[in-house]
Amino acid sequence: MTDPRINPSILAADFVNMQSELARIASADFVHVDVMDNHFVPNLTFGPQMVGRIQETSPIPLDVHLMIDDPDRWAPEYAELGAASVTFHLEAAADAVSLARRLRAIGARAGVAVKPGTSVEGLFDLLPEFDQILVMTVEPGFGGQSFMPETMPKLRALAEQVRRRGAQVWLQVDGGIGASTIAQAAEAGADTFVAGSAVFGADDPERAIAGLRATASHPH
């Protein structure tokens, strides 16, 4: 397995001191940016203007997660801002494959996300179209929720298909990921982990990142 990637979620950061908060996680692989529109999920965060500023000040690449309606229209704008990775929801996209191809054409990694209740079987034949699949391990919309272990069989099924087909796709988990749950997700096949309060809530975020990475590397 490649080294696990740790992507702290700024949903758990202090928004007023965003630049210094980003500096505290400089050893992370990406910074996970949750964009919510109060339609697809019942919460509102920030849009392109804020994400553009984060892009300008972040010491690490942006992993943007769009929890929004009509990503076919809006997602390319985030790729054009320079985000390294843009993930949209399968449930919200009109044409997931066309959108992924547009994101890649702009220069971003193309990711697709699924809610806990969404089946992943339909993605098996489409694996080459995506660079990342995000299996939500909580219902999207709010940080600080408890990890849902019942999402692990879906992750295992994806990991098996990725292995079988030799696909170059990262498997990401987001929701309730911390010291006690990251091993479960790593064992099930995840290689990219979004952690919010487990990193930003720690006294030493850099040490928390290193600890999560070590646990995910040796989950048994």
C-alpha atoms as a PDB file:
ATOM      1  CA  MET A   1       0.000   0.000   0.000  1.00  0.00           C
ATOM      2  CA  THR A   2       1.142   3.548  -0.670  1.00  0.00           C
ATOM      3  CA  ASP A   3       1.640   5.793   2.324  1.00  0.00           C
ATOM      4  CA  PRO A   4      -1.759   6.851   3.641  1.00  0.00           C
ATOM      5  CA  ARG A   5      -2.784  10.416   2.912  1.00  0.00           C
ATOM      6  CA  ILE A   6      -4.130  12.595   5.723  1.00  0.00           C
ATOM      7  CA  ASN A   7      -6.347  15.493   4.606  1.00  0.00           C
ATOM      8  CA  PRO A   8      -7.457  17.626   7.582  1.00  0.00           C
ATOM      9  CA  SER A   9     -10.882  19.208   7.151  1.00  0.00           C
ATOM     10  CA  ILE A  10     -10.972  22.950   7.703  1.00  0.00           C
ATOM     11  CA  LEU A  11     -14.585  22.567   8.818  1.00  0.00           C
ATOM     12  CA  ALA A  12     -12.943  21.962  12.218  1.00  0.00           C
ATOM     13  CA  ALA A  13     -10.543  24.928  11.959  1.00  0.00           C
ATOM     14  CA  ASP A  14     -10.872  28.460  13.320  1.00  0.00           C
ATOM     15  CA  PHE A  15     -12.236  30.297  10.284  1.00  0.00           C
ATOM     16  CA  VAL A  16     -11.145  33.707  11.609  1.00  0.00           C
ATOM     17  CA  ASN A  17      -7.489  32.639  11.699  1.00  0.00           C
ATOM     18  CA  MET A  18      -7.477  30.535   8.564  1.00  0.00           C
ATOM     19  CA  GLN A  19      -3.933  31.357   7.479  1.00  0.00           C
ATOM     20  CA  SER A  20      -2.380  30.367  10.821  1.00  0.00           C
ATOM     21  CA  GLU A  21      -4.651  27.289  11.004  1.00  0.00           C
ATOM     22  CA  LEU A  22      -3.386  26.169   7.588  1.00  0.00           C
ATOM     23  CA  ALA A  23       0.202  26.669   8.752  1.00  0.00           C
ATOM     24  CA  ARG A  24      -0.482  24.269  11.660  1.00  0.00           C
ATOM     25  CA  ILE A  25      -1.154  21.394   9.226  1.00  0.00           C
ATOM     26  CA  ALA A  26       1.732  21.925   6.778  1.00  0.00           C
ATOM     27  CA  SER A  27       2.768  18.251   7.057  1.00  0.00           C
ATOM     28  CA  ALA A  28      -0.637  17.034   5.829  1.00  0.00           C
ATOM     29  CA  ASP A  29      -1.054  15.795   2.256  1.00  0.00           C
ATOM     30  CA  PHE A  30      -3.982  18.016   1.303  1.00  0.00           C
ATOM     31  CA  VAL A  31      -6.368  20.365   3.074  1.00  0.00           C
ATOM     32  CA  HIS A  32      -9.967  19.173   2.754  1.00  0.00           C
ATOM     33  CA  VAL A  33     -12.369  22.017   1.956  1.00  0.00           C
ATOM     34  CA  ASP A  34     -16.091  21.300   2.408  1.00  0.00           C
ATOM     35  CA  VAL A  35     -18.317  23.439   0.212  1.00  0.00           C
ATOM     36  CA  MET A  36     -21.994  23.228   1.249  1.00  0.00           C
ATOM     37  CA  ASP A  37     -24.892  25.065  -0.358  1.00  0.00           C
ATOM     38  CA  ASN A  38     -27.743  24.584   2.169  1.00  0.00           C
ATOM     39  CA  HIS A  39     -29.656  22.673  -0.542  1.00  0.00           C
ATOM     40  CA  PHE A  40     -27.871  19.372  -1.133  1.00  0.00           C
ATOM     41  CA  VAL A  41     -27.043  19.328   2.590  1.00  0.00           C
ATOM     42  CA  PRO A  42     -28.695  21.339   5.381  1.00  0.00           C
ATOM     43  CA  ASN A  43     -25.672  23.505   6.070  1.00  0.00           C
ATOM     44  CA  LEU A  44     -23.907  26.433   4.435  1.00  0.00           C
ATOM     45  CA  THR A  45     -20.145  26.985   4.393  1.00  0.00           C
ATOM     46  CA  PHE A  46     -18.279  28.943   1.723  1.00  0.00           C
ATOM     47  CA  GLY A  47     -18.117  29.390  -2.011  1.00  0.00           C
ATOM     48  CA  PRO A  48     -15.554  30.108  -4.707  1.00  0.00           C
ATOM     49  CA  GLN A  49     -14.343  33.426  -3.273  1.00  0.00           C
ATOM     50  CA  MET A  50     -13.333  31.888   0.073  1.00  0.00           C
ATOM     51  CA  VAL A  51     -11.902  28.778  -1.574  1.00  0.00           C
ATOM     52  CA  GLY A  52      -9.840  31.009  -3.867  1.00  0.00           C
ATOM     53  CA  ARG A  53      -8.341  32.782  -0.845  1.00  0.00           C
ATOM     54  CA  ILE A  54      -7.589  29.458   0.860  1.00  0.00           C
ATOM     55  CA  GLN A  55      -5.898  28.337  -2.361  1.00  0.00           C
ATOM     56  CA  GLU A  56      -3.714  31.466  -2.289  1.00  0.00           C
ATOM     57  CA  THR A  57      -2.633  31.031   1.338  1.00  0.00           C
ATOM     58  CA  SER A  58      -2.465  27.259   1.845  1.00  0.00           C
ATOM     59  CA  PRO A  59       0.976  25.598   2.116  1.00  0.00           C
ATOM     60  CA  ILE A  60      -0.544  22.334   0.818  1.00  0.00           C
ATOM     61  CA  PRO A  61      -2.838  21.461  -2.121  1.00  0.00           C
ATOM     62  CA  LEU A  62      -6.628  21.735  -1.846  1.00  0.00           C
ATOM     63  CA  ASP A  63      -8.953  18.720  -1.816  1.00  0.00           C
ATOM     64  CA  VAL A  64     -12.343  20.355  -2.426  1.00  0.00           C
ATOM     65  CA  HIS A  65     -15.493  18.386  -1.533  1.00  0.00           C
ATOM     66  CA  LEU A  66     -18.617  19.851  -3.133  1.00  0.00           C
ATOM     67  CA  MET A  67     -21.785  19.020  -1.196  1.00  0.00           C
ATOM     68  CA  ILE A  68     -23.878  21.045  -3.597  1.00  0.00           C
ATOM     69  CA  ASP A  69     -26.676  20.761  -6.133  1.00  0.00           C
ATOM     70  CA  ASP A  70     -25.861  21.063  -9.830  1.00  0.00           C
ATOM     71  CA  PRO A  71     -22.116  20.280  -9.630  1.00  0.00           C
ATOM     72  CA  ASP A  72     -22.165  19.868 -13.433  1.00  0.00           C
ATOM     73  CA  ARG A  73     -22.459  23.651 -13.558  1.00  0.00           C
ATOM     74  CA  TRP A  74     -20.372  24.696 -10.546  1.00  0.00           C
ATOM     75  CA  ALA A  75     -17.569  22.149 -10.060  1.00  0.00           C
ATOM     76  CA  PRO A  76     -15.344  23.288 -12.968  1.00  0.00           C
ATOM     77  CA  GLU A  77     -15.053  26.732 -11.363  1.00  0.00           C
ATOM     78  CA  TYR A  78     -13.247  25.167  -8.381  1.00  0.00           C
ATOM     79  CA  ALA A  79     -10.840  23.353 -10.693  1.00  0.00           C
ATOM     80  CA  GLU A  80     -10.156  26.658 -12.437  1.00  0.00           C
ATOM     81  CA  LEU A  81      -9.317  28.252  -9.056  1.00  0.00           C
ATOM     82  CA  GLY A  82      -6.406  25.817  -8.863  1.00  0.00           C
ATOM     83  CA  ALA A  83      -7.771  23.154  -6.518  1.00  0.00           C
ATOM     84  CA  ALA A  84      -5.664  20.015  -6.885  1.00  0.00           C
ATOM     85  CA  SER A  85      -8.679  17.756  -6.442  1.00  0.00           C
ATOM     86  CA  VAL A  86     -12.408  18.419  -6.867  1.00  0.00           C
ATOM     87  CA  THR A  87     -14.944  15.874  -5.594  1.00  0.00           C
ATOM     88  CA  PHE A  88     -18.647  16.111  -6.397  1.00  0.00           C
ATOM     89  CA  HIS A  89     -21.531  13.922  -5.240  1.00  0.00           C
ATOM     90  CA  LEU A  90     -22.770  11.108  -7.441  1.00  0.00           C
ATOM     91  CA  GLU A  91     -26.297  11.792  -6.143  1.00  0.00           C
ATOM     92  CA  ALA A  92     -26.187  15.406  -7.377  1.00  0.00           C
ATOM     93  CA  ALA A  93     -24.497  15.078 -10.771  1.00  0.00           C
ATOM     94  CA  ALA A  94     -26.484  14.828 -14.001  1.00  0.00           C
ATOM     95  CA  ASP A  95     -23.563  13.228 -15.855  1.00  0.00           C
ATOM     96  CA  ALA A  96     -20.752  12.127 -13.533  1.00  0.00           C
ATOM     97  CA  VAL A  97     -18.437  10.881 -16.279  1.00  0.00           C
ATOM     98  CA  SER A  98     -18.653  14.032 -18.419  1.00  0.00           C
ATOM     99  CA  LEU A  99     -18.083  16.192 -15.350  1.00  0.00           C
ATOM    100  CA  ALA A 100     -15.070  14.142 -14.240  1.00  0.00           C
ATOM    101  CA  ARG A 101     -13.589  14.493 -17.730  1.00  0.00           C
ATOM    102  CA  ARG A 102     -14.083  18.271 -17.644  1.00  0.00           C
ATOM    103  CA  LEU A 103     -12.341  18.513 -14.252  1.00  0.00           C
ATOM    104  CA  ARG A 104      -9.400  16.475 -15.528  1.00  0.00           C
ATOM    105  CA  ALA A 105      -9.211  18.598 -18.689  1.00  0.00           C
ATOM    106  CA  ILE A 106      -8.873  21.724 -16.522  1.00  0.00           C
ATOM    107  CA  GLY A 107      -6.071  20.051 -14.571  1.00  0.00           C
ATOM    108  CA  ALA A 108      -7.677  18.854 -11.344  1.00  0.00           C
ATOM    109  CA  ARG A 109      -7.997  15.326 -10.008  1.00  0.00           C
ATOM    110  CA  ALA A 110     -11.631  14.255 -10.421  1.00  0.00           C
ATOM    111  CA  GLY A 111     -13.369  12.747  -7.407  1.00  0.00           C
ATOM    112  CA  VAL A 112     -16.847  11.348  -6.883  1.00  0.00           C
ATOM    113  CA  ALA A 113     -18.491  11.032  -3.458  1.00  0.00           C
ATOM    114  CA  VAL A 114     -21.275   8.766  -2.213  1.00  0.00           C
ATOM    115  CA  LYS A 115     -23.478   9.175   0.847  1.00  0.00           C
ATOM    116  CA  PRO A 116     -23.744   6.288   3.353  1.00  0.00           C
ATOM    117  CA  GLY A 117     -26.966   4.995   1.762  1.00  0.00           C
ATOM    118  CA  THR A 118     -25.773   5.140  -1.858  1.00  0.00           C
ATOM    119  CA  SER A 119     -24.716   1.941  -3.634  1.00  0.00           C
ATOM    120  CA  VAL A 120     -21.292   1.873  -5.306  1.00  0.00           C
ATOM    121  CA  GLU A 121     -21.876  -1.003  -7.768  1.00  0.00           C
ATOM    122  CA  GLY A 122     -22.603   1.449 -10.573  1.00  0.00           C
ATOM    123  CA  LEU A 123     -19.099   2.901 -10.199  1.00  0.00           C
ATOM    124  CA  PHE A 124     -17.224  -0.373 -10.739  1.00  0.00           C
ATOM    125  CA  ASP A 125     -17.120  -0.107 -14.540  1.00  0.00           C
ATOM    126  CA  LEU A 126     -16.369   3.621 -14.342  1.00  0.00           C
ATOM    127  CA  LEU A 127     -13.279   3.441 -12.109  1.00  0.00           C
ATOM    128  CA  PRO A 128     -10.867   4.719 -14.816  1.00  0.00           C
ATOM    129  CA  GLU A 129     -12.943   7.912 -15.101  1.00  0.00           C
ATOM    130  CA  PHE A 130     -12.139   8.999 -11.542  1.00  0.00           C
ATOM    131  CA  ASP A 131      -8.999   9.758  -9.561  1.00  0.00           C
ATOM    132  CA  GLN A 132     -10.700   9.452  -6.189  1.00  0.00           C
ATOM    133  CA  ILE A 133     -13.848   7.928  -4.735  1.00  0.00           C
ATOM    134  CA  LEU A 134     -15.032   9.334  -1.426  1.00  0.00           C
ATOM    135  CA  VAL A 135     -17.098   7.004   0.738  1.00  0.00           C
ATOM    136  CA  MET A 136     -18.891   9.174   3.300  1.00  0.00           C
ATOM    137  CA  THR A 137     -18.685   7.556   6.732  1.00  0.00           C
ATOM    138  CA  VAL A 138     -21.299   9.967   8.156  1.00  0.00           C
ATOM    139  CA  GLU A 139     -24.303  11.682   6.597  1.00  0.00           C
ATOM    140  CA  PRO A 140     -22.818  14.758   4.912  1.00  0.00           C
ATOM    141  CA  GLY A 141     -23.565  18.219   6.227  1.00  0.00           C
ATOM    142  CA  PHE A 142     -21.966  18.656   9.636  1.00  0.00           C
ATOM    143  CA  GLY A 143     -18.610  17.981  11.268  1.00  0.00           C
ATOM    144  CA  GLY A 144     -18.149  16.112  14.525  1.00  0.00           C
ATOM    145  CA  GLN A 145     -20.472  13.179  13.783  1.00  0.00           C
ATOM    146  CA  SER A 146     -19.826   9.561  14.754  1.00  0.00           C
ATOM    147  CA  PHE A 147     -18.192   7.161  12.289  1.00  0.00           C
ATOM    148  CA  MET A 148     -20.625   4.687  10.664  1.00  0.00           C
ATOM    149  CA  PRO A 149     -18.973   1.219  10.538  1.00  0.00           C
ATOM    150  CA  GLU A 150     -21.831  -0.050   8.358  1.00  0.00           C
ATOM    151  CA  THR A 151     -20.245   1.831   5.431  1.00  0.00           C
ATOM    152  CA  MET A 152     -17.156  -0.437   5.513  1.00  0.00           C
ATOM    153  CA  PRO A 153     -18.534  -3.291   3.307  1.00  0.00           C
ATOM    154  CA  LYS A 154     -19.039  -0.735   0.525  1.00  0.00           C
ATOM    155  CA  LEU A 155     -15.443   0.430   0.906  1.00  0.00           C
ATOM    156  CA  ARG A 156     -14.212  -3.187   0.835  1.00  0.00           C
ATOM    157  CA  ALA A 157     -16.168  -3.837  -2.354  1.00  0.00           C
ATOM    158  CA  LEU A 158     -14.609  -0.791  -4.021  1.00  0.00           C
ATOM    159  CA  ALA A 159     -11.116  -1.739  -2.839  1.00  0.00           C
ATOM    160  CA  GLU A 160     -11.580  -5.236  -4.273  1.00  0.00           C
ATOM    161  CA  GLN A 161     -12.652  -3.820  -7.642  1.00  0.00           C
ATOM    162  CA  VAL A 162      -9.744  -1.359  -7.692  1.00  0.00           C
ATOM    163  CA  ARG A 163      -7.328  -4.243  -7.043  1.00  0.00           C
ATOM    164  CA  ARG A 164      -8.980  -6.560  -9.538  1.00  0.00           C
ATOM    165  CA  ARG A 165      -9.029  -3.986 -12.332  1.00  0.00           C
ATOM    166  CA  GLY A 166      -5.680  -2.377 -11.523  1.00  0.00           C
ATOM    167  CA  ALA A 167      -7.374   1.034 -11.340  1.00  0.00           C
ATOM    168  CA  GLN A 168      -5.379   4.084 -10.292  1.00  0.00           C
ATOM    169  CA  VAL A 169      -7.998   5.539  -7.977  1.00  0.00           C
ATOM    170  CA  TRP A 170      -7.658   6.751  -4.391  1.00  0.00           C
ATOM    171  CA  LEU A 171     -10.266   5.590  -1.874  1.00  0.00           C
ATOM    172  CA  GLN A 172     -11.118   8.329   0.574  1.00  0.00           C
ATOM    173  CA  VAL A 173     -13.194   8.284   3.762  1.00  0.00           C
ATOM    174  CA  ASP A 174     -14.700  11.305   5.472  1.00  0.00           C
ATOM    175  CA  GLY A 175     -16.643  11.463   8.734  1.00  0.00           C
ATOM    176  CA  GLY A 176     -15.776  10.552  12.310  1.00  0.00           C
ATOM    177  CA  ILE A 177     -12.195   9.634  11.369  1.00  0.00           C
ATOM    178  CA  GLY A 178      -9.821   9.681  14.333  1.00  0.00           C
ATOM    179  CA  ALA A 179      -7.324   7.550  16.229  1.00  0.00           C
ATOM    180  CA  SER A 180      -9.946   4.916  17.088  1.00  0.00           C
ATOM    181  CA  THR A 181     -11.608   4.604  13.647  1.00  0.00           C
ATOM    182  CA  ILE A 182      -8.869   5.176  11.084  1.00  0.00           C
ATOM    183  CA  ALA A 183      -7.576   1.588  11.420  1.00  0.00           C
ATOM    184  CA  GLN A 184     -11.034   0.177  10.531  1.00  0.00           C
ATOM    185  CA  ALA A 185     -11.166   2.315   7.409  1.00  0.00           C
ATOM    186  CA  ALA A 186      -7.573   1.477   6.412  1.00  0.00           C
ATOM    187  CA  GLU A 187      -8.221  -2.233   6.884  1.00  0.00           C
ATOM    188  CA  ALA A 188     -11.282  -1.942   4.619  1.00  0.00           C
ATOM    189  CA  GLY A 189      -9.144  -0.424   1.862  1.00  0.00           C
ATOM    190  CA  ALA A 190      -9.099   3.361   2.337  1.00  0.00           C
ATOM    191  CA  ASP A 191      -5.826   5.118   1.562  1.00  0.00           C
ATOM    192  CA  THR A 192      -6.917   8.763   1.927  1.00  0.00           C
ATOM    193  CA  PHE A 193      -8.427  10.018   5.187  1.00  0.00           C
ATOM    194  CA  VAL A 194     -10.289  13.211   6.016  1.00  0.00           C
ATOM    195  CA  ALA A 195      -9.965  14.110   9.692  1.00  0.00           C
ATOM    196  CA  GLY A 196     -11.419  17.239  11.275  1.00  0.00           C
ATOM    197  CA  SER A 197     -11.494  17.592  15.043  1.00  0.00           C
ATOM    198  CA  ALA A 198      -8.954  14.742  15.417  1.00  0.00           C
ATOM    199  CA  VAL A 199      -6.388  17.119  13.893  1.00  0.00           C
ATOM    200  CA  PHE A 200      -7.563  20.678  14.585  1.00  0.00           C
ATOM    201  CA  GLY A 201      -8.824  19.762  18.057  1.00  0.00           C
ATOM    202  CA  ALA A 202      -5.411  18.374  19.044  1.00  0.00           C
ATOM    203  CA  ASP A 203      -2.879  20.412  21.029  1.00  0.00           C
ATOM    204  CA  ASP A 204      -0.286  19.541  18.388  1.00  0.00           C
ATOM    205  CA  PRO A 205      -1.937  19.058  14.970  1.00  0.00           C
ATOM    206  CA  GLU A 206       1.331  17.955  13.331  1.00  0.00           C
ATOM    207  CA  ARG A 207       1.770  15.186  15.883  1.00  0.00           C
ATOM    208  CA  ALA A 208      -1.887  14.186  15.415  1.00  0.00           C
ATOM    209  CA  ILE A 209      -1.331  13.935  11.634  1.00  0.00           C
ATOM    210  CA  ALA A 210       1.776  11.774  12.154  1.00  0.00           C
ATOM    211  CA  GLY A 211      -0.126   9.541  14.594  1.00  0.00           C
ATOM    212  CA  LEU A 212      -3.054   9.056  12.207  1.00  0.00           C
ATOM    213  CA  ARG A 213      -0.677   8.285   9.358  1.00  0.00           C
ATOM    214  CA  ALA A 214       1.178   5.703  11.463  1.00  0.00           C
ATOM    215  CA  THR A 215      -2.056   3.995  12.573  1.00  0.00           C
ATOM    216  CA  ALA A 216      -3.375   3.856   9.007  1.00  0.00           C
ATOM    217  CA  SER A 217      -0.064   2.383   7.803  1.00  0.00           C
ATOM    218  CA  HIS A 218      -0.277  -0.522  10.284  1.00  0.00           C
ATOM    219  CA  PRO A 219      -3.993  -1.041  10.912  1.00  0.00           C
ATOM    220  CA  HIS A 220      -3.728  -4.600  12.275  1.00  0.00           C
END
